[in-house]
Amino acid sequence: HAMFNASLCINNSFFSGLNLREVERSIQKFGKEMIECNQKAVYTSMLPVKRAVSDLILSTQDPLVIAKNSAEQNALLEQVVEENNPVNVCGIYVFSGIVAYIYSRYEL
């Protein structure tokens, strides 16, 4: 349960506006622990917020970077759809929607 709580804390940190660099550090720290403790499901559930934080920190309007990030996000979406995991699908849509809203790039 500890890693699940860490994942929720990371999500809440993002939603409440904590500095993105601090959220990124938490993602790296707890992500490493999740992998070491073989908590794959919890780690996978954290990937949408990890992608959102990364996209917002990079803040690029470069079409090639945007296309690459979009392709990676689509690959993750396909994976969680195949795994029949509606919670992670929802997470992908929520965090992708937030990033798209911030950039006013709704086709993302």
C-alpha atoms as a PDB file:
ATOM      1  CA  HIS A   1       0.000   0.000   0.000  1.00  0.00           C
ATOM      2  CA  ALA A   2       2.923   2.344   0.541  1.00  0.00           C
ATOM      3  CA  MET A   3       3.733   2.675  -3.166  1.00  0.00           C
ATOM      4  CA  PHE A   4       0.068   3.225  -4.029  1.00  0.00           C
ATOM      5  CA  ASN A   5      -0.046   6.024  -1.457  1.00  0.00           C
ATOM      6  CA  ALA A   6       3.148   7.510  -2.910  1.00  0.00           C
ATOM      7  CA  SER A   7       1.545   7.479  -6.360  1.00  0.00           C
ATOM      8  CA  LEU A   8      -1.553   9.255  -5.040  1.00  0.00           C
ATOM      9  CA  CYS A   9       0.634  11.795  -3.256  1.00  0.00           C
ATOM     10  CA  ILE A  10       2.428  12.534  -6.537  1.00  0.00           C
ATOM     11  CA  ASN A  11      -0.895  13.015  -8.341  1.00  0.00           C
ATOM     12  CA  ASN A  12      -2.153  15.300  -5.587  1.00  0.00           C
ATOM     13  CA  SER A  13       1.098  17.275  -5.659  1.00  0.00           C
ATOM     14  CA  PHE A  14       0.617  17.876  -9.369  1.00  0.00           C
ATOM     15  CA  PHE A  15      -3.045  18.860  -9.029  1.00  0.00           C
ATOM     16  CA  SER A  16      -2.366  21.203  -6.119  1.00  0.00           C
ATOM     17  CA  GLY A  17       0.318  23.093  -8.022  1.00  0.00           C
ATOM     18  CA  LEU A  18       3.494  21.958  -6.309  1.00  0.00           C
ATOM     19  CA  ASN A  19       6.641  23.010  -8.143  1.00  0.00           C
ATOM     20  CA  LEU A  20       7.065  20.694 -11.144  1.00  0.00           C
ATOM     21  CA  ARG A  21      10.725  20.045 -10.345  1.00  0.00           C
ATOM     22  CA  GLU A  22       9.722  18.793  -6.885  1.00  0.00           C
ATOM     23  CA  VAL A  23       7.046  16.567  -8.392  1.00  0.00           C
ATOM     24  CA  GLU A  24       9.616  15.269 -10.878  1.00  0.00           C
ATOM     25  CA  ARG A  25      12.029  14.429  -8.031  1.00  0.00           C
ATOM     26  CA  SER A  26       9.266  12.530  -6.224  1.00  0.00           C
ATOM     27  CA  ILE A  27       8.428  10.636  -9.408  1.00  0.00           C
ATOM     28  CA  GLN A  28      12.068   9.636  -9.867  1.00  0.00           C
ATOM     29  CA  LYS A  29      12.519   8.638  -6.227  1.00  0.00           C
ATOM     30  CA  PHE A  30       9.342   6.641  -5.823  1.00  0.00           C
ATOM     31  CA  GLY A  31       9.425   5.298  -9.383  1.00  0.00           C
ATOM     32  CA  LYS A  32      12.806   3.734  -8.663  1.00  0.00           C
ATOM     33  CA  GLU A  33      11.443   2.212  -5.444  1.00  0.00           C
ATOM     34  CA  MET A  34       8.357   0.911  -7.245  1.00  0.00           C
ATOM     35  CA  ILE A  35      10.526  -0.865  -9.788  1.00  0.00           C
ATOM     36  CA  GLU A  36      12.829  -2.274  -7.071  1.00  0.00           C
ATOM     37  CA  CYS A  37       9.804  -3.550  -5.120  1.00  0.00           C
ATOM     38  CA  ASN A  38       8.266  -5.051  -8.271  1.00  0.00           C
ATOM     39  CA  GLN A  39       5.213  -2.755  -8.091  1.00  0.00           C
ATOM     40  CA  LYS A  40       4.614  -2.675 -11.849  1.00  0.00           C
ATOM     41  CA  ALA A  41       0.898  -1.870 -11.681  1.00  0.00           C
ATOM     42  CA  VAL A  42       1.450   1.121  -9.404  1.00  0.00           C
ATOM     43  CA  TYR A  43       4.390   2.307 -11.509  1.00  0.00           C
ATOM     44  CA  THR A  44       2.271   2.082 -14.669  1.00  0.00           C
ATOM     45  CA  SER A  45      -0.494   4.099 -12.994  1.00  0.00           C
ATOM     46  CA  MET A  46       2.060   6.842 -12.298  1.00  0.00           C
ATOM     47  CA  LEU A  47       3.230   7.125 -15.933  1.00  0.00           C
ATOM     48  CA  PRO A  48       0.522   9.609 -17.070  1.00  0.00           C
ATOM     49  CA  VAL A  49       1.514  12.179 -14.431  1.00  0.00           C
ATOM     50  CA  LYS A  50       5.175  11.523 -15.212  1.00  0.00           C
ATOM     51  CA  ARG A  51       4.512  12.319 -18.881  1.00  0.00           C
ATOM     52  CA  ALA A  52       2.518  15.448 -18.000  1.00  0.00           C
ATOM     53  CA  VAL A  53       5.247  16.764 -15.704  1.00  0.00           C
ATOM     54  CA  SER A  54       7.881  16.073 -18.336  1.00  0.00           C
ATOM     55  CA  ASP A  55       5.856  17.807 -21.047  1.00  0.00           C
ATOM     56  CA  LEU A  56       5.272  20.872 -18.885  1.00  0.00           C
ATOM     57  CA  ILE A  57       8.891  21.143 -17.760  1.00  0.00           C
ATOM     58  CA  LEU A  58      10.171  20.917 -21.335  1.00  0.00           C
ATOM     59  CA  SER A  59       7.572  23.459 -22.522  1.00  0.00           C
ATOM     60  CA  THR A  60       8.505  23.176 -26.161  1.00  0.00           C
ATOM     61  CA  GLN A  61       6.479  24.109 -29.201  1.00  0.00           C
ATOM     62  CA  ASP A  62       8.786  22.081 -31.461  1.00  0.00           C
ATOM     63  CA  PRO A  63       6.498  19.971 -33.690  1.00  0.00           C
ATOM     64  CA  LEU A  64       8.980  17.071 -33.757  1.00  0.00           C
ATOM     65  CA  VAL A  65       9.146  16.875 -29.965  1.00  0.00           C
ATOM     66  CA  ILE A  66       5.369  17.177 -29.710  1.00  0.00           C
ATOM     67  CA  ALA A  67       4.928  14.399 -32.285  1.00  0.00           C
ATOM     68  CA  LYS A  68       7.394  12.141 -30.436  1.00  0.00           C
ATOM     69  CA  ASN A  69       5.670  12.743 -27.099  1.00  0.00           C
ATOM     70  CA  SER A  70       2.275  12.135 -28.682  1.00  0.00           C
ATOM     71  CA  ALA A  71       3.478   8.841 -30.186  1.00  0.00           C
ATOM     72  CA  GLU A  72       4.820   7.710 -26.806  1.00  0.00           C
ATOM     73  CA  GLN A  73       1.551   8.673 -25.131  1.00  0.00           C
ATOM     74  CA  ASN A  74      -0.443   6.774 -27.768  1.00  0.00           C
ATOM     75  CA  ALA A  75       1.747   3.685 -27.254  1.00  0.00           C
ATOM     76  CA  LEU A  76       1.084   3.834 -23.505  1.00  0.00           C
ATOM     77  CA  LEU A  77      -2.633   4.268 -24.166  1.00  0.00           C
ATOM     78  CA  GLU A  78      -2.670   1.217 -26.453  1.00  0.00           C
ATOM     79  CA  GLN A  79      -0.854  -0.805 -23.796  1.00  0.00           C
ATOM     80  CA  VAL A  80      -3.306   0.014 -20.999  1.00  0.00           C
ATOM     81  CA  VAL A  81      -6.303  -0.530 -23.297  1.00  0.00           C
ATOM     82  CA  GLU A  82      -4.942  -3.973 -24.167  1.00  0.00           C
ATOM     83  CA  GLU A  83      -4.479  -4.675 -20.460  1.00  0.00           C
ATOM     84  CA  ASN A  84      -8.126  -3.651 -19.930  1.00  0.00           C
ATOM     85  CA  ASN A  85      -7.176  -1.101 -17.277  1.00  0.00           C
ATOM     86  CA  PRO A  86      -9.819   1.656 -17.247  1.00  0.00           C
ATOM     87  CA  VAL A  87      -8.206   3.500 -14.312  1.00  0.00           C
ATOM     88  CA  ASN A  88      -4.964   4.041 -16.237  1.00  0.00           C
ATOM     89  CA  VAL A  89      -6.866   4.929 -19.418  1.00  0.00           C
ATOM     90  CA  CYS A  90      -8.702   7.602 -17.440  1.00  0.00           C
ATOM     91  CA  GLY A  91      -5.402   8.869 -15.998  1.00  0.00           C
ATOM     92  CA  ILE A  92      -3.919   9.209 -19.465  1.00  0.00           C
ATOM     93  CA  TYR A  93      -6.912  11.206 -20.685  1.00  0.00           C
ATOM     94  CA  VAL A  94      -7.006  13.443 -17.599  1.00  0.00           C
ATOM     95  CA  PHE A  95      -3.320  14.351 -17.630  1.00  0.00           C
ATOM     96  CA  SER A  96      -3.168  14.628 -21.428  1.00  0.00           C
ATOM     97  CA  GLY A  97      -6.185  16.916 -21.286  1.00  0.00           C
ATOM     98  CA  ILE A  98      -4.518  19.149 -18.722  1.00  0.00           C
ATOM     99  CA  VAL A  99      -1.357  19.469 -20.821  1.00  0.00           C
ATOM    100  CA  ALA A 100      -3.389  20.086 -23.990  1.00  0.00           C
ATOM    101  CA  TYR A 101      -5.412  22.768 -22.197  1.00  0.00           C
ATOM    102  CA  ILE A 102      -2.294  24.539 -20.914  1.00  0.00           C
ATOM    103  CA  TYR A 103      -0.733  24.564 -24.393  1.00  0.00           C
ATOM    104  CA  SER A 104      -4.068  25.205 -26.191  1.00  0.00           C
ATOM    105  CA  ARG A 105      -3.198  22.203 -28.371  1.00  0.00           C
ATOM    106  CA  TYR A 106      -6.358  20.137 -28.197  1.00  0.00           C
ATOM    107  CA  GLU A 107      -5.331  17.767 -30.994  1.00  0.00           C
ATOM    108  CA  LEU A 108      -2.748  16.269 -28.615  1.00  0.00           C
END
